[in-house]
Amino acid sequence: MRGPGAIRCPRCGRPIARTRAGRPAGILKLSCARCRFLIYDYPRPCVGFVVTREDQVLVLRRAHPPRVGRLDVPGGFLEAGEDIEAAARRELREETGLTVGRAERLGLYWDRYYLRGFGYIPTLNFYFLARWRSGVAVADDDAASAEWVRLSGLRARDPRYSWKHMGALFRDARRAREKKGRLRG
């Protein structure tokens, strides 16, 4: 990658090459041909919340690249030294103004995120599930809008989703809610 957006070597300043690093085929390495600097493209941890209200789930529309206007859930990148659940709560508060009570771990999902001038980076997404208690979700920060939609209406694949893993995320949220309903009944 060359030009003003090229990734530069932290040692010598030359453009860095991103190449596949063998098995598994998805691992990338960043290396400098001049000074032999090498680092692997490790996944970036992300966090999020699936907030439910009766048979609905809170979804956001993205306000900023990548994937402006597509459906998402409240979440974002984990900051250095931050607790995973605390980070998910921070993102929920920043993007919607909402807070939630008790949360349960929902799952981990692999995906990728596009950074202009760098390309795709792998992400490992940690999600929590919680029930809405009170308040009105107001889109803020990275969200253009916030709305409640029927969880049962979200399909496994939908071109409106921001990320490939969202179909599996909503499927797992439905299963978790169904399981809780059976345990109560």
N, C-alpha and C. Protein backbone atom coordinates (compact mmCIF):
# COMPACT_ATOMS: atom_id res chain seq x y z
N MET A 1 0.85 -1.16 0.00
CA MET A 1 0.00 0.00 0.00
C MET A 1 0.89 1.23 0.00
N ARG A 2 0.72 2.10 -0.96
CA ARG A 2 1.52 3.31 -1.06
C ARG A 2 0.63 4.53 -1.04
N GLY A 3 1.24 5.70 -0.93
CA GLY A 3 0.48 6.94 -0.93
C GLY A 3 0.36 7.51 0.46
N PRO A 4 -0.39 8.62 0.59
CA PRO A 4 -0.49 9.31 1.87
C PRO A 4 -1.13 8.47 2.97
N GLY A 5 -1.99 7.50 2.62
CA GLY A 5 -2.67 6.67 3.62
C GLY A 5 -1.92 5.39 3.93
N ALA A 6 -0.71 5.22 3.37
CA ALA A 6 0.05 3.98 3.57
C ALA A 6 0.47 3.83 5.02
N ILE A 7 0.51 2.58 5.48
CA ILE A 7 0.98 2.28 6.82
C ILE A 7 2.49 2.39 6.80
N ARG A 8 3.04 3.09 7.77
CA ARG A 8 4.48 3.33 7.85
C ARG A 8 5.11 2.51 8.96
N CYS A 9 6.33 2.07 8.72
CA CYS A 9 7.10 1.32 9.70
C CYS A 9 7.44 2.23 10.88
N PRO A 10 7.21 1.76 12.12
CA PRO A 10 7.54 2.59 13.28
C PRO A 10 9.05 2.74 13.50
N ARG A 11 9.86 1.89 12.86
CA ARG A 11 11.32 1.97 13.00
C ARG A 11 11.96 2.88 11.96
N CYS A 12 11.64 2.63 10.68
CA CYS A 12 12.36 3.36 9.62
C CYS A 12 11.48 4.28 8.77
N GLY A 13 10.14 4.19 8.93
CA GLY A 13 9.26 5.09 8.21
C GLY A 13 8.86 4.66 6.81
N ARG A 14 9.39 3.54 6.35
CA ARG A 14 9.02 3.04 5.02
C ARG A 14 7.64 2.40 5.05
N PRO A 15 6.98 2.28 3.88
CA PRO A 15 5.68 1.60 3.84
C PRO A 15 5.81 0.14 4.29
N ILE A 16 4.82 -0.31 5.03
CA ILE A 16 4.79 -1.69 5.53
C ILE A 16 3.89 -2.53 4.64
N ALA A 17 4.28 -3.77 4.42
CA ALA A 17 3.47 -4.70 3.64
C ALA A 17 2.61 -5.54 4.58
N ARG A 18 1.34 -5.73 4.20
CA ARG A 18 0.46 -6.64 4.93
C ARG A 18 0.34 -7.90 4.10
N THR A 19 0.72 -9.05 4.67
CA THR A 19 0.69 -10.31 3.95
C THR A 19 0.07 -11.39 4.82
N ARG A 20 -0.38 -12.47 4.17
CA ARG A 20 -0.92 -13.62 4.89
C ARG A 20 0.24 -14.36 5.55
N ALA A 21 0.00 -14.85 6.77
CA ALA A 21 1.07 -15.47 7.55
C ALA A 21 0.92 -16.98 7.67
N GLY A 22 0.40 -17.65 6.69
CA GLY A 22 0.32 -19.11 6.74
C GLY A 22 -1.00 -19.60 7.28
N ARG A 23 -0.96 -20.60 8.14
CA ARG A 23 -2.17 -21.24 8.66
C ARG A 23 -2.49 -20.74 10.04
N PRO A 24 -3.76 -20.47 10.41
CA PRO A 24 -4.87 -20.40 9.47
C PRO A 24 -4.72 -19.23 8.51
N ALA A 25 -5.34 -19.33 7.38
CA ALA A 25 -5.14 -18.38 6.29
C ALA A 25 -5.56 -16.94 6.62
N GLY A 26 -6.35 -16.73 7.64
CA GLY A 26 -6.83 -15.39 7.95
C GLY A 26 -5.83 -14.52 8.69
N ILE A 27 -4.76 -15.10 9.22
CA ILE A 27 -3.80 -14.31 10.00
C ILE A 27 -2.95 -13.45 9.07
N LEU A 28 -2.83 -12.17 9.43
CA LEU A 28 -2.02 -11.25 8.64
C LEU A 28 -0.79 -10.85 9.44
N LYS A 29 0.29 -10.58 8.70
CA LYS A 29 1.46 -10.01 9.36
C LYS A 29 1.81 -8.71 8.65
N LEU A 30 2.36 -7.79 9.42
CA LEU A 30 2.80 -6.51 8.91
C LEU A 30 4.31 -6.52 9.01
N SER A 31 4.98 -6.31 7.89
CA SER A 31 6.44 -6.39 7.91
C SER A 31 7.06 -5.32 7.02
N CYS A 32 8.28 -4.95 7.37
CA CYS A 32 9.04 -3.96 6.62
C CYS A 32 10.19 -4.66 5.92
N ALA A 33 10.25 -4.53 4.61
CA ALA A 33 11.31 -5.17 3.84
C ALA A 33 12.68 -4.55 4.11
N ARG A 34 12.69 -3.30 4.50
CA ARG A 34 13.96 -2.60 4.72
C ARG A 34 14.62 -2.97 6.05
N CYS A 35 13.89 -2.79 7.17
CA CYS A 35 14.51 -3.02 8.49
C CYS A 35 14.07 -4.32 9.15
N ARG A 36 13.17 -5.06 8.50
CA ARG A 36 12.65 -6.35 8.96
C ARG A 36 11.77 -6.27 10.21
N PHE A 37 11.19 -5.10 10.47
CA PHE A 37 10.21 -4.97 11.54
C PHE A 37 9.07 -5.93 11.23
N LEU A 38 8.54 -6.62 12.26
CA LEU A 38 7.46 -7.59 12.06
C LEU A 38 6.51 -7.55 13.25
N ILE A 39 5.23 -7.51 12.95
CA ILE A 39 4.19 -7.64 13.97
C ILE A 39 3.00 -8.32 13.31
N TYR A 40 2.29 -9.13 14.10
CA TYR A 40 1.10 -9.79 13.57
C TYR A 40 -0.12 -8.91 13.82
N ASP A 41 -1.07 -9.01 12.94
CA ASP A 41 -2.29 -8.21 13.00
C ASP A 41 -3.27 -8.88 13.95
N TYR A 42 -3.10 -8.63 15.24
CA TYR A 42 -3.92 -9.24 16.27
C TYR A 42 -5.33 -8.68 16.26
N PRO A 43 -6.32 -9.47 16.71
CA PRO A 43 -7.69 -8.96 16.74
C PRO A 43 -7.85 -7.85 17.78
N ARG A 44 -8.75 -6.94 17.48
CA ARG A 44 -9.08 -5.86 18.41
C ARG A 44 -10.36 -6.26 19.14
N PRO A 45 -10.35 -6.18 20.48
CA PRO A 45 -11.56 -6.55 21.22
C PRO A 45 -12.62 -5.46 21.15
N CYS A 46 -13.86 -5.88 20.94
CA CYS A 46 -15.02 -4.99 20.91
C CYS A 46 -16.05 -5.51 21.90
N VAL A 47 -16.92 -4.62 22.36
CA VAL A 47 -17.95 -4.97 23.34
C VAL A 47 -19.28 -4.41 22.89
N GLY A 48 -20.36 -5.01 23.37
CA GLY A 48 -21.67 -4.49 23.03
C GLY A 48 -22.77 -5.06 23.89
N PHE A 49 -23.95 -4.47 23.76
CA PHE A 49 -25.13 -4.90 24.50
C PHE A 49 -26.26 -5.20 23.53
N VAL A 50 -26.97 -6.29 23.79
CA VAL A 50 -28.25 -6.55 23.16
C VAL A 50 -29.26 -6.26 24.26
N VAL A 51 -30.03 -5.20 24.07
CA VAL A 51 -31.01 -4.77 25.07
C VAL A 51 -32.39 -5.15 24.55
N THR A 52 -33.15 -5.90 25.37
CA THR A 52 -34.48 -6.35 24.96
C THR A 52 -35.55 -5.67 25.81
N ARG A 53 -36.71 -5.51 25.19
CA ARG A 53 -37.90 -4.96 25.85
C ARG A 53 -39.07 -5.77 25.33
N GLU A 54 -39.63 -6.62 26.19
CA GLU A 54 -40.67 -7.56 25.80
C GLU A 54 -40.16 -8.39 24.62
N ASP A 55 -40.80 -8.30 23.45
CA ASP A 55 -40.35 -9.09 22.30
C ASP A 55 -39.53 -8.25 21.32
N GLN A 56 -39.00 -7.13 21.79
CA GLN A 56 -38.24 -6.23 20.93
C GLN A 56 -36.78 -6.14 21.36
N VAL A 57 -35.96 -5.66 20.43
CA VAL A 57 -34.55 -5.43 20.69
C VAL A 57 -34.20 -4.02 20.22
N LEU A 58 -33.28 -3.38 20.93
CA LEU A 58 -32.85 -2.03 20.57
C LEU A 58 -31.80 -2.12 19.47
N VAL A 59 -32.05 -1.44 18.36
CA VAL A 59 -31.07 -1.37 17.27
C VAL A 59 -30.77 0.09 16.96
N LEU A 60 -29.57 0.31 16.50
CA LEU A 60 -29.12 1.64 16.13
C LEU A 60 -28.82 1.67 14.65
N ARG A 61 -28.83 2.85 14.07
CA ARG A 61 -28.31 3.05 12.72
C ARG A 61 -27.00 3.80 12.88
N ARG A 62 -25.98 3.31 12.19
CA ARG A 62 -24.65 3.90 12.30
C ARG A 62 -24.62 5.30 11.68
N ALA A 63 -23.97 6.22 12.39
CA ALA A 63 -23.86 7.60 11.93
C ALA A 63 -22.55 7.87 11.19
N HIS A 64 -21.54 7.03 11.41
CA HIS A 64 -20.21 7.27 10.86
C HIS A 64 -19.68 6.04 10.13
N PRO A 65 -18.70 6.24 9.23
CA PRO A 65 -18.08 5.10 8.58
C PRO A 65 -17.37 4.21 9.60
N PRO A 66 -17.22 2.96 9.35
CA PRO A 66 -17.73 2.28 8.15
C PRO A 66 -19.21 1.92 8.30
N ARG A 67 -19.83 1.68 7.20
CA ARG A 67 -21.20 1.19 7.09
C ARG A 67 -22.26 2.15 7.64
N VAL A 68 -22.15 3.40 7.23
CA VAL A 68 -23.11 4.43 7.62
C VAL A 68 -24.53 3.99 7.27
N GLY A 69 -25.46 4.18 8.19
CA GLY A 69 -26.87 3.89 7.95
C GLY A 69 -27.29 2.46 8.17
N ARG A 70 -26.36 1.57 8.42
CA ARG A 70 -26.73 0.17 8.63
C ARG A 70 -27.09 -0.09 10.09
N LEU A 71 -27.83 -1.21 10.30
CA LEU A 71 -28.27 -1.57 11.64
C LEU A 71 -27.12 -2.11 12.49
N ASP A 72 -27.13 -1.73 13.75
CA ASP A 72 -26.09 -2.14 14.69
C ASP A 72 -26.74 -2.23 16.07
N VAL A 73 -25.98 -2.67 17.05
CA VAL A 73 -26.40 -2.61 18.44
C VAL A 73 -25.40 -1.73 19.18
N PRO A 74 -25.74 -1.21 20.34
CA PRO A 74 -24.79 -0.37 21.06
C PRO A 74 -23.50 -1.11 21.38
N GLY A 75 -22.37 -0.52 21.00
CA GLY A 75 -21.09 -1.16 21.27
C GLY A 75 -19.95 -0.42 20.63
N GLY A 76 -18.76 -0.93 20.86
CA GLY A 76 -17.57 -0.31 20.29
C GLY A 76 -16.31 -0.99 20.77
N PHE A 77 -15.17 -0.34 20.56
CA PHE A 77 -13.88 -0.92 20.92
C PHE A 77 -13.63 -0.83 22.43
N LEU A 78 -13.03 -1.88 22.96
CA LEU A 78 -12.60 -1.93 24.35
C LEU A 78 -11.38 -1.03 24.50
N GLU A 79 -11.36 -0.20 25.53
CA GLU A 79 -10.22 0.67 25.78
C GLU A 79 -9.22 -0.04 26.68
N ALA A 80 -7.95 0.34 26.60
CA ALA A 80 -6.89 -0.29 27.38
C ALA A 80 -7.21 -0.24 28.87
N GLY A 81 -7.09 -1.38 29.54
CA GLY A 81 -7.29 -1.48 30.98
C GLY A 81 -8.74 -1.51 31.42
N GLU A 82 -9.67 -1.50 30.48
CA GLU A 82 -11.10 -1.43 30.81
C GLU A 82 -11.67 -2.83 31.02
N ASP A 83 -12.55 -2.98 32.01
CA ASP A 83 -13.28 -4.21 32.23
C ASP A 83 -14.27 -4.41 31.07
N ILE A 84 -14.45 -5.63 30.63
CA ILE A 84 -15.28 -5.90 29.45
C ILE A 84 -16.72 -5.45 29.66
N GLU A 85 -17.34 -5.84 30.76
CA GLU A 85 -18.73 -5.45 30.98
C GLU A 85 -18.85 -3.95 31.20
N ALA A 86 -17.91 -3.36 31.93
CA ALA A 86 -17.93 -1.90 32.15
C ALA A 86 -17.81 -1.16 30.82
N ALA A 87 -17.01 -1.68 29.91
CA ALA A 87 -16.86 -1.06 28.60
C ALA A 87 -18.17 -1.13 27.81
N ALA A 88 -18.84 -2.29 27.87
CA ALA A 88 -20.12 -2.43 27.17
C ALA A 88 -21.15 -1.47 27.74
N ARG A 89 -21.17 -1.30 29.07
CA ARG A 89 -22.08 -0.35 29.70
C ARG A 89 -21.74 1.09 29.28
N ARG A 90 -20.45 1.41 29.21
CA ARG A 90 -20.03 2.75 28.77
C ARG A 90 -20.53 3.02 27.36
N GLU A 91 -20.33 2.06 26.44
CA GLU A 91 -20.78 2.23 25.06
C GLU A 91 -22.30 2.40 24.98
N LEU A 92 -23.04 1.62 25.75
CA LEU A 92 -24.50 1.73 25.77
C LEU A 92 -24.91 3.12 26.22
N ARG A 93 -24.30 3.62 27.28
CA ARG A 93 -24.62 4.95 27.81
C ARG A 93 -24.25 6.05 26.81
N GLU A 94 -23.04 5.94 26.19
CA GLU A 94 -22.60 6.95 25.23
C GLU A 94 -23.50 7.01 23.99
N GLU A 95 -23.94 5.85 23.51
CA GLU A 95 -24.68 5.81 22.25
C GLU A 95 -26.18 5.98 22.40
N THR A 96 -26.72 5.70 23.60
CA THR A 96 -28.18 5.75 23.76
C THR A 96 -28.65 6.52 25.00
N GLY A 97 -27.77 6.77 25.95
CA GLY A 97 -28.16 7.40 27.20
C GLY A 97 -28.77 6.42 28.19
N LEU A 98 -28.95 5.16 27.80
CA LEU A 98 -29.57 4.15 28.67
C LEU A 98 -28.56 3.49 29.60
N THR A 99 -29.06 3.04 30.73
CA THR A 99 -28.32 2.14 31.61
C THR A 99 -29.22 0.93 31.82
N VAL A 100 -28.61 -0.20 32.11
CA VAL A 100 -29.38 -1.42 32.35
C VAL A 100 -28.92 -2.03 33.66
N GLY A 101 -29.77 -2.90 34.19
CA GLY A 101 -29.46 -3.61 35.43
C GLY A 101 -28.57 -4.81 35.15
N ARG A 102 -28.93 -5.92 35.73
CA ARG A 102 -28.15 -7.16 35.61
C ARG A 102 -27.98 -7.56 34.14
N ALA A 103 -26.78 -7.96 33.81
CA ALA A 103 -26.48 -8.40 32.44
C ALA A 103 -25.94 -9.81 32.47
N GLU A 104 -26.18 -10.53 31.39
CA GLU A 104 -25.59 -11.87 31.27
C GLU A 104 -24.75 -11.91 30.01
N ARG A 105 -23.72 -12.72 30.05
CA ARG A 105 -22.88 -12.88 28.86
C ARG A 105 -23.67 -13.60 27.79
N LEU A 106 -23.62 -13.06 26.60
CA LEU A 106 -24.35 -13.66 25.48
C LEU A 106 -23.44 -14.49 24.60
N GLY A 107 -22.25 -13.97 24.26
CA GLY A 107 -21.35 -14.74 23.42
C GLY A 107 -20.20 -13.93 22.86
N LEU A 108 -19.34 -14.64 22.14
CA LEU A 108 -18.18 -14.07 21.46
C LEU A 108 -18.34 -14.32 19.97
N TYR A 109 -18.03 -13.30 19.16
CA TYR A 109 -18.24 -13.40 17.72
C TYR A 109 -17.06 -12.77 16.99
N TRP A 110 -16.52 -13.49 16.02
CA TRP A 110 -15.44 -12.95 15.18
C TRP A 110 -16.03 -12.12 14.06
N ASP A 111 -15.30 -11.10 13.66
CA ASP A 111 -15.70 -10.29 12.52
C ASP A 111 -14.49 -9.49 12.06
N ARG A 112 -14.74 -8.46 11.26
CA ARG A 112 -13.65 -7.58 10.82
C ARG A 112 -14.19 -6.17 10.68
N TYR A 113 -13.28 -5.19 10.76
CA TYR A 113 -13.63 -3.78 10.76
C TYR A 113 -12.71 -3.08 9.78
N TYR A 114 -13.25 -2.21 8.96
CA TYR A 114 -12.45 -1.53 7.95
C TYR A 114 -11.95 -0.19 8.47
N LEU A 115 -10.64 0.01 8.41
CA LEU A 115 -10.02 1.29 8.75
C LEU A 115 -9.45 1.89 7.47
N ARG A 116 -9.90 3.08 7.12
CA ARG A 116 -9.41 3.74 5.91
C ARG A 116 -7.90 3.91 5.98
N GLY A 117 -7.22 3.56 4.91
CA GLY A 117 -5.77 3.67 4.85
C GLY A 117 -5.05 2.48 5.43
N PHE A 118 -5.79 1.58 6.04
CA PHE A 118 -5.17 0.40 6.67
C PHE A 118 -5.77 -0.88 6.14
N GLY A 119 -7.06 -0.87 5.88
CA GLY A 119 -7.76 -2.07 5.43
C GLY A 119 -8.53 -2.71 6.56
N TYR A 120 -8.82 -3.99 6.40
CA TYR A 120 -9.60 -4.72 7.39
C TYR A 120 -8.74 -5.18 8.55
N ILE A 121 -9.28 -5.05 9.76
CA ILE A 121 -8.64 -5.60 10.95
C ILE A 121 -9.58 -6.61 11.56
N PRO A 122 -9.06 -7.70 12.14
CA PRO A 122 -9.94 -8.67 12.79
C PRO A 122 -10.45 -8.13 14.11
N THR A 123 -11.71 -8.47 14.45
CA THR A 123 -12.28 -8.06 15.73
C THR A 123 -12.83 -9.29 16.45
N LEU A 124 -12.74 -9.27 17.76
CA LEU A 124 -13.37 -10.28 18.62
C LEU A 124 -14.39 -9.52 19.45
N ASN A 125 -15.67 -9.82 19.23
CA ASN A 125 -16.78 -9.04 19.78
C ASN A 125 -17.43 -9.77 20.96
N PHE A 126 -17.40 -9.15 22.14
CA PHE A 126 -17.99 -9.68 23.37
C PHE A 126 -19.34 -9.00 23.56
N TYR A 127 -20.40 -9.79 23.71
CA TYR A 127 -21.73 -9.21 23.88
C TYR A 127 -22.38 -9.66 25.18
N PHE A 128 -23.18 -8.74 25.71
CA PHE A 128 -23.99 -8.99 26.90
C PHE A 128 -25.45 -8.80 26.54
N LEU A 129 -26.32 -9.47 27.29
CA LEU A 129 -27.76 -9.38 27.10
C LEU A 129 -28.37 -8.80 28.37
N ALA A 130 -29.26 -7.83 28.22
CA ALA A 130 -29.93 -7.23 29.37
C ALA A 130 -31.32 -6.78 28.96
N ARG A 131 -32.21 -6.71 29.96
CA ARG A 131 -33.56 -6.21 29.72
C ARG A 131 -33.62 -4.71 30.01
N TRP A 132 -34.34 -4.01 29.17
CA TRP A 132 -34.60 -2.59 29.37
C TRP A 132 -35.44 -2.43 30.62
N ARG A 133 -35.14 -1.43 31.41
CA ARG A 133 -35.90 -1.15 32.63
C ARG A 133 -36.74 0.12 32.49
N SER A 134 -36.07 1.20 32.07
CA SER A 134 -36.78 2.48 31.93
C SER A 134 -35.93 3.43 31.10
N GLY A 135 -36.51 4.55 30.74
CA GLY A 135 -35.80 5.55 29.97
C GLY A 135 -36.09 5.45 28.49
N VAL A 136 -35.71 6.49 27.79
CA VAL A 136 -35.89 6.56 26.34
C VAL A 136 -34.52 6.55 25.69
N ALA A 137 -34.34 5.64 24.75
CA ALA A 137 -33.07 5.58 24.02
C ALA A 137 -32.98 6.76 23.06
N VAL A 138 -31.94 7.56 23.23
CA VAL A 138 -31.71 8.72 22.38
C VAL A 138 -30.38 8.51 21.66
N ALA A 139 -30.41 8.52 20.34
CA ALA A 139 -29.18 8.30 19.56
C ALA A 139 -28.17 9.40 19.84
N ASP A 140 -26.94 9.00 20.10
CA ASP A 140 -25.87 9.94 20.39
C ASP A 140 -24.56 9.30 19.98
N ASP A 141 -23.47 10.03 20.01
CA ASP A 141 -22.13 9.55 19.72
C ASP A 141 -22.08 8.96 18.30
N ASP A 142 -21.93 7.65 18.16
CA ASP A 142 -21.80 7.00 16.85
C ASP A 142 -23.13 6.61 16.22
N ALA A 143 -24.25 6.84 16.91
CA ALA A 143 -25.55 6.40 16.42
C ALA A 143 -26.33 7.55 15.77
N ALA A 144 -26.91 7.27 14.60
CA ALA A 144 -27.75 8.26 13.92
C ALA A 144 -29.19 8.18 14.42
N SER A 145 -29.63 6.96 14.79
CA SER A 145 -30.98 6.77 15.31
C SER A 145 -31.00 5.53 16.19
N ALA A 146 -32.02 5.48 17.05
CA ALA A 146 -32.24 4.32 17.92
C ALA A 146 -33.71 3.93 17.79
N GLU A 147 -33.96 2.63 17.65
CA GLU A 147 -35.34 2.17 17.52
C GLU A 147 -35.48 0.77 18.07
N TRP A 148 -36.69 0.44 18.47
CA TRP A 148 -37.01 -0.90 18.96
C TRP A 148 -37.64 -1.68 17.81
N VAL A 149 -37.14 -2.89 17.55
CA VAL A 149 -37.69 -3.75 16.50
C VAL A 149 -37.96 -5.13 17.08
N ARG A 150 -38.88 -5.85 16.46
CA ARG A 150 -39.20 -7.21 16.93
C ARG A 150 -38.00 -8.11 16.74
N LEU A 151 -37.58 -8.76 17.80
CA LEU A 151 -36.45 -9.68 17.75
C LEU A 151 -36.74 -10.83 16.79
N SER A 152 -37.98 -11.31 16.78
CA SER A 152 -38.34 -12.43 15.91
C SER A 152 -38.28 -12.05 14.43
N GLY A 153 -38.32 -10.76 14.12
CA GLY A 153 -38.28 -10.31 12.73
C GLY A 153 -36.89 -10.14 12.16
N LEU A 154 -35.86 -10.30 12.99
CA LEU A 154 -34.48 -10.14 12.51
C LEU A 154 -33.99 -11.47 11.97
N ARG A 155 -33.67 -11.48 10.69
CA ARG A 155 -33.27 -12.71 10.00
C ARG A 155 -31.80 -13.03 10.21
N ALA A 156 -31.41 -14.24 9.82
CA ALA A 156 -30.01 -14.66 9.94
C ALA A 156 -29.10 -13.80 9.07
N ARG A 157 -29.56 -13.45 7.88
CA ARG A 157 -28.78 -12.59 6.99
C ARG A 157 -29.65 -11.44 6.55
N ASP A 158 -29.07 -10.26 6.60
CA ASP A 158 -29.81 -9.08 6.19
C ASP A 158 -28.80 -8.05 5.70
N PRO A 159 -28.96 -7.53 4.50
CA PRO A 159 -28.00 -6.55 3.98
C PRO A 159 -27.99 -5.25 4.78
N ARG A 160 -28.97 -5.06 5.65
CA ARG A 160 -29.01 -3.85 6.48
C ARG A 160 -28.09 -3.94 7.70
N TYR A 161 -27.61 -5.15 8.04
CA TYR A 161 -26.75 -5.31 9.21
C TYR A 161 -25.37 -4.69 8.96
N SER A 162 -24.79 -4.14 10.00
CA SER A 162 -23.45 -3.57 9.91
C SER A 162 -22.37 -4.63 9.82
N TRP A 163 -22.58 -5.77 10.47
CA TRP A 163 -21.51 -6.78 10.59
C TRP A 163 -22.05 -8.16 10.27
N LYS A 164 -21.20 -9.01 9.76
CA LYS A 164 -21.61 -10.36 9.37
C LYS A 164 -22.11 -11.20 10.54
N HIS A 165 -21.57 -10.97 11.72
CA HIS A 165 -21.93 -11.81 12.87
C HIS A 165 -23.29 -11.48 13.48
N MET A 166 -23.95 -10.43 13.01
CA MET A 166 -25.18 -9.99 13.67
C MET A 166 -26.34 -10.98 13.56
N GLY A 167 -26.42 -11.74 12.50
CA GLY A 167 -27.46 -12.76 12.41
C GLY A 167 -27.31 -13.79 13.51
N ALA A 168 -26.09 -14.24 13.74
CA ALA A 168 -25.82 -15.20 14.82
C ALA A 168 -26.08 -14.56 16.19
N LEU A 169 -25.74 -13.30 16.32
CA LEU A 169 -25.97 -12.58 17.58
C LEU A 169 -27.46 -12.54 17.91
N PHE A 170 -28.29 -12.15 16.95
CA PHE A 170 -29.73 -12.09 17.19
C PHE A 170 -30.33 -13.48 17.41
N ARG A 171 -29.83 -14.48 16.71
CA ARG A 171 -30.29 -15.86 16.93
C ARG A 171 -30.00 -16.28 18.37
N ASP A 172 -28.78 -16.00 18.85
CA ASP A 172 -28.40 -16.37 20.21
C ASP A 172 -29.21 -15.59 21.25
N ALA A 173 -29.54 -14.33 20.96
CA ALA A 173 -30.37 -13.54 21.86
C ALA A 173 -31.78 -14.13 21.95
N ARG A 174 -32.33 -14.56 20.81
CA ARG A 174 -33.66 -15.20 20.81
C ARG A 174 -33.62 -16.48 21.65
N ARG A 175 -32.60 -17.30 21.44
CA ARG A 175 -32.48 -18.56 22.19
C ARG A 175 -32.35 -18.31 23.69
N ALA A 176 -31.57 -17.33 24.07
CA ALA A 176 -31.38 -17.02 25.50
C ALA A 176 -32.70 -16.57 26.12
N ARG A 177 -33.47 -15.75 25.41
CA ARG A 177 -34.76 -15.29 25.93
C ARG A 177 -35.76 -16.44 26.02
N GLU A 178 -35.76 -17.33 25.02
CA GLU A 178 -36.65 -18.48 25.05
C GLU A 178 -36.32 -19.40 26.22
N LYS A 179 -35.04 -19.60 26.45
CA LYS A 179 -34.59 -20.46 27.54
C LYS A 179 -35.03 -19.87 28.89
N LYS A 180 -34.89 -18.58 29.07
CA LYS A 180 -35.33 -17.92 30.30
C LYS A 180 -36.83 -18.08 30.48
N GLY A 181 -37.60 -17.95 29.38
CA GLY A 181 -39.05 -18.10 29.45
C GLY A 181 -39.44 -19.49 29.89
N ARG A 182 -38.74 -20.53 29.40
CA ARG A 182 -39.02 -21.91 29.80
C ARG A 182 -38.66 -22.13 31.26
N LEU A 183 -37.60 -21.51 31.74
CA LEU A 183 -37.19 -21.69 33.14
C LEU A 183 -38.19 -21.04 34.09
N ARG A 184 -38.81 -19.94 33.68
CA ARG A 184 -39.79 -19.26 34.54
C ARG A 184 -41.12 -20.01 34.58
N GLY A 185 -41.49 -20.66 33.45
CA GLY A 185 -42.80 -21.28 33.32
C GLY A 185 -42.95 -22.61 33.92
